[in-house]
Amino acid sequence: MTILPRHKDVAKSRLKMSNPWHLLAVGFGSGLSPIVPGTMGSLAAIPFWYLMTFLPWQLYSLVVMLGICIGVYLCHQTAKDMGVHDHGSIVWDEFIGMWITLMALPTNDWQWVAAGFVIFR
């Protein structure tokens, strides 16, 4: 039986990329990858992390905390709109997790970033 994959396709069809909550929840589309959407979400979080490294650490921390608070709502609302609890395409938690994982790493050494990515995944 292929009820689950078909159900997931129906759930994805309920996403509206014009809805900012949906757009954020699926990691700007990275969570819509047909293979390893969580990993793609983690990869997509890295450029945003890099831009955030130019912020003072206090502001960086505030952005992460706001991302957590907003993420609770946007992930819940997107899952509700999709009709599926914790759909694999919802990868906002990967974004926040990567930002926390990479928070204290040096930005000038991409080996650390790669190690953080591998350990996080």
C-alpha atoms as a PDB file:
ATOM      1  CA  MET A   1       0.000   0.000   0.000  1.00  0.00           C
ATOM      2  CA  THR A   2       1.203   3.510  -0.770  1.00  0.00           C
ATOM      3  CA  ILE A   3      -1.175   5.499   1.393  1.00  0.00           C
ATOM      4  CA  LEU A   4       1.547   7.321   3.341  1.00  0.00           C
ATOM      5  CA  PRO A   5       3.509   8.711   0.366  1.00  0.00           C
ATOM      6  CA  ARG A   6       0.286   9.756  -1.359  1.00  0.00           C
ATOM      7  CA  HIS A   7      -0.902  11.374   1.872  1.00  0.00           C
ATOM      8  CA  LYS A   8       2.368  13.290   2.063  1.00  0.00           C
ATOM      9  CA  ASP A   9       1.936  14.505  -1.524  1.00  0.00           C
ATOM     10  CA  VAL A  10      -1.524  15.781  -0.620  1.00  0.00           C
ATOM     11  CA  ALA A  11      -0.036  17.506   2.421  1.00  0.00           C
ATOM     12  CA  LYS A  12       2.629  19.209   0.288  1.00  0.00           C
ATOM     13  CA  SER A  13      -0.037  20.388  -2.130  1.00  0.00           C
ATOM     14  CA  ARG A  14      -1.619  22.325   0.749  1.00  0.00           C
ATOM     15  CA  LEU A  15       1.484  24.467   1.159  1.00  0.00           C
ATOM     16  CA  LYS A  16       1.243  28.026  -0.085  1.00  0.00           C
ATOM     17  CA  MET A  17       4.688  29.476  -0.692  1.00  0.00           C
ATOM     18  CA  SER A  18       3.070  32.926  -0.750  1.00  0.00           C
ATOM     19  CA  ASN A  19       2.255  32.376   2.943  1.00  0.00           C
ATOM     20  CA  PRO A  20       5.277  33.666   4.918  1.00  0.00           C
ATOM     21  CA  TRP A  21       4.694  31.085   7.704  1.00  0.00           C
ATOM     22  CA  HIS A  22       4.810  28.237   5.208  1.00  0.00           C
ATOM     23  CA  LEU A  23       7.837  29.730   3.449  1.00  0.00           C
ATOM     24  CA  LEU A  24       9.792  29.908   6.710  1.00  0.00           C
ATOM     25  CA  ALA A  25       8.597  26.511   7.948  1.00  0.00           C
ATOM     26  CA  VAL A  26       9.885  24.752   4.829  1.00  0.00           C
ATOM     27  CA  GLY A  27      13.197  26.590   4.998  1.00  0.00           C
ATOM     28  CA  PHE A  28      12.580  28.792   1.961  1.00  0.00           C
ATOM     29  CA  GLY A  29      11.805  25.658  -0.045  1.00  0.00           C
ATOM     30  CA  SER A  30      14.760  23.539   1.096  1.00  0.00           C
ATOM     31  CA  GLY A  31      12.416  21.199   2.975  1.00  0.00           C
ATOM     32  CA  LEU A  32      10.594  20.393  -0.259  1.00  0.00           C
ATOM     33  CA  SER A  33      13.553  18.380  -1.520  1.00  0.00           C
ATOM     34  CA  PRO A  34      12.386  14.887  -2.511  1.00  0.00           C
ATOM     35  CA  ILE A  35      15.452  13.370  -0.831  1.00  0.00           C
ATOM     36  CA  VAL A  36      16.734  14.125   2.685  1.00  0.00           C
ATOM     37  CA  PRO A  37      14.715  17.322   3.278  1.00  0.00           C
ATOM     38  CA  GLY A  38      16.091  17.712   6.806  1.00  0.00           C
ATOM     39  CA  THR A  39      19.661  17.609   5.555  1.00  0.00           C
ATOM     40  CA  MET A  40      18.802  20.098   2.821  1.00  0.00           C
ATOM     41  CA  GLY A  41      17.261  22.348   5.451  1.00  0.00           C
ATOM     42  CA  SER A  42      20.441  22.139   7.520  1.00  0.00           C
ATOM     43  CA  LEU A  43      22.542  23.035   4.480  1.00  0.00           C
ATOM     44  CA  ALA A  44      20.239  25.923   3.601  1.00  0.00           C
ATOM     45  CA  ALA A  45      20.661  27.320   7.121  1.00  0.00           C
ATOM     46  CA  ILE A  46      24.428  27.805   6.677  1.00  0.00           C
ATOM     47  CA  PRO A  47      24.317  30.951   4.474  1.00  0.00           C
ATOM     48  CA  PHE A  48      21.874  32.564   6.911  1.00  0.00           C
ATOM     49  CA  TRP A  49      24.185  31.602   9.783  1.00  0.00           C
ATOM     50  CA  TYR A  50      27.110  33.198   7.965  1.00  0.00           C
ATOM     51  CA  LEU A  51      25.200  36.470   7.555  1.00  0.00           C
ATOM     52  CA  MET A  52      24.248  36.374  11.225  1.00  0.00           C
ATOM     53  CA  THR A  53      27.907  36.047  12.268  1.00  0.00           C
ATOM     54  CA  PHE A  54      28.331  39.740  11.469  1.00  0.00           C
ATOM     55  CA  LEU A  55      25.914  40.569  14.286  1.00  0.00           C
ATOM     56  CA  PRO A  56      27.101  41.132  17.858  1.00  0.00           C
ATOM     57  CA  TRP A  57      26.674  37.886  19.809  1.00  0.00           C
ATOM     58  CA  GLN A  58      23.888  39.418  21.912  1.00  0.00           C
ATOM     59  CA  LEU A  59      21.860  40.242  18.798  1.00  0.00           C
ATOM     60  CA  TYR A  60      22.691  36.843  17.269  1.00  0.00           C
ATOM     61  CA  SER A  61      21.357  35.189  20.429  1.00  0.00           C
ATOM     62  CA  LEU A  62      18.229  37.334  20.318  1.00  0.00           C
ATOM     63  CA  VAL A  63      17.594  36.348  16.680  1.00  0.00           C
ATOM     64  CA  VAL A  64      17.930  32.669  17.627  1.00  0.00           C
ATOM     65  CA  MET A  65      15.576  33.052  20.603  1.00  0.00           C
ATOM     66  CA  LEU A  66      13.023  34.895  18.466  1.00  0.00           C
ATOM     67  CA  GLY A  67      13.435  32.190  15.820  1.00  0.00           C
ATOM     68  CA  ILE A  68      12.596  29.558  18.420  1.00  0.00           C
ATOM     69  CA  CYS A  69       9.524  31.428  19.663  1.00  0.00           C
ATOM     70  CA  ILE A  70       8.228  32.252  16.190  1.00  0.00           C
ATOM     71  CA  GLY A  71       9.120  28.746  15.021  1.00  0.00           C
ATOM     72  CA  VAL A  72       6.789  27.116  17.520  1.00  0.00           C
ATOM     73  CA  TYR A  73       3.875  28.993  15.983  1.00  0.00           C
ATOM     74  CA  LEU A  74       4.881  28.765  12.336  1.00  0.00           C
ATOM     75  CA  CYS A  75       5.637  25.032  12.463  1.00  0.00           C
ATOM     76  CA  HIS A  76       2.389  24.319  14.313  1.00  0.00           C
ATOM     77  CA  GLN A  77       0.362  26.435  11.897  1.00  0.00           C
ATOM     78  CA  THR A  78       2.017  24.943   8.810  1.00  0.00           C
ATOM     79  CA  ALA A  79       1.526  21.376  10.069  1.00  0.00           C
ATOM     80  CA  LYS A  80      -2.105  22.199  10.825  1.00  0.00           C
ATOM     81  CA  ASP A  81      -2.593  23.695   7.348  1.00  0.00           C
ATOM     82  CA  MET A  82      -0.973  20.604   5.797  1.00  0.00           C
ATOM     83  CA  GLY A  83      -3.089  18.261   7.906  1.00  0.00           C
ATOM     84  CA  VAL A  84      -0.035  16.232   8.948  1.00  0.00           C
ATOM     85  CA  HIS A  85       1.760  16.351  12.294  1.00  0.00           C
ATOM     86  CA  ASP A  86       5.520  16.954  11.931  1.00  0.00           C
ATOM     87  CA  HIS A  87       5.741  16.646   8.146  1.00  0.00           C
ATOM     88  CA  GLY A  88       9.282  16.029   6.890  1.00  0.00           C
ATOM     89  CA  SER A  89       9.266  19.169   4.772  1.00  0.00           C
ATOM     90  CA  ILE A  90       8.968  21.381   7.860  1.00  0.00           C
ATOM     91  CA  VAL A  91      12.632  22.150   8.515  1.00  0.00           C
ATOM     92  CA  TRP A  92      12.594  25.375  10.536  1.00  0.00           C
ATOM     93  CA  ASP A  93      13.913  23.370  13.498  1.00  0.00           C
ATOM     94  CA  GLU A  94      16.938  22.428  11.354  1.00  0.00           C
ATOM     95  CA  PHE A  95      17.622  26.113  10.757  1.00  0.00           C
ATOM     96  CA  ILE A  96      17.479  26.942  14.464  1.00  0.00           C
ATOM     97  CA  GLY A  97      19.482  23.847  15.408  1.00  0.00           C
ATOM     98  CA  MET A  98      22.229  24.696  12.942  1.00  0.00           C
ATOM     99  CA  TRP A  99      22.370  28.298  14.137  1.00  0.00           C
ATOM    100  CA  ILE A 100      22.783  27.090  17.717  1.00  0.00           C
ATOM    101  CA  THR A 101      25.338  24.438  16.723  1.00  0.00           C
ATOM    102  CA  LEU A 102      27.445  26.896  14.727  1.00  0.00           C
ATOM    103  CA  MET A 103      27.033  29.829  17.113  1.00  0.00           C
ATOM    104  CA  ALA A 104      30.482  29.661  18.710  1.00  0.00           C
ATOM    105  CA  LEU A 105      32.453  28.327  15.755  1.00  0.00           C
ATOM    106  CA  PRO A 106      35.055  30.403  13.915  1.00  0.00           C
ATOM    107  CA  THR A 107      33.699  31.732  10.622  1.00  0.00           C
ATOM    108  CA  ASN A 108      37.061  31.748   8.872  1.00  0.00           C
ATOM    109  CA  ASP A 109      37.574  27.973   9.049  1.00  0.00           C
ATOM    110  CA  TRP A 110      35.047  26.026   7.001  1.00  0.00           C
ATOM    111  CA  GLN A 111      36.347  22.723   8.409  1.00  0.00           C
ATOM    112  CA  TRP A 112      34.678  23.668  11.693  1.00  0.00           C
ATOM    113  CA  VAL A 113      31.460  24.479   9.855  1.00  0.00           C
ATOM    114  CA  ALA A 114      31.581  21.113   8.060  1.00  0.00           C
ATOM    115  CA  ALA A 115      32.245  19.335  11.362  1.00  0.00           C
ATOM    116  CA  GLY A 116      29.340  21.186  13.003  1.00  0.00           C
ATOM    117  CA  PHE A 117      27.068  20.189  10.128  1.00  0.00           C
ATOM    118  CA  VAL A 118      28.083  16.513  10.302  1.00  0.00           C
ATOM    119  CA  ILE A 119      27.735  16.351  14.080  1.00  0.00           C
ATOM    120  CA  PHE A 120      24.366  18.121  13.963  1.00  0.00           C
ATOM    121  CA  ARG A 121      23.006  15.764  11.307  1.00  0.00           C
END
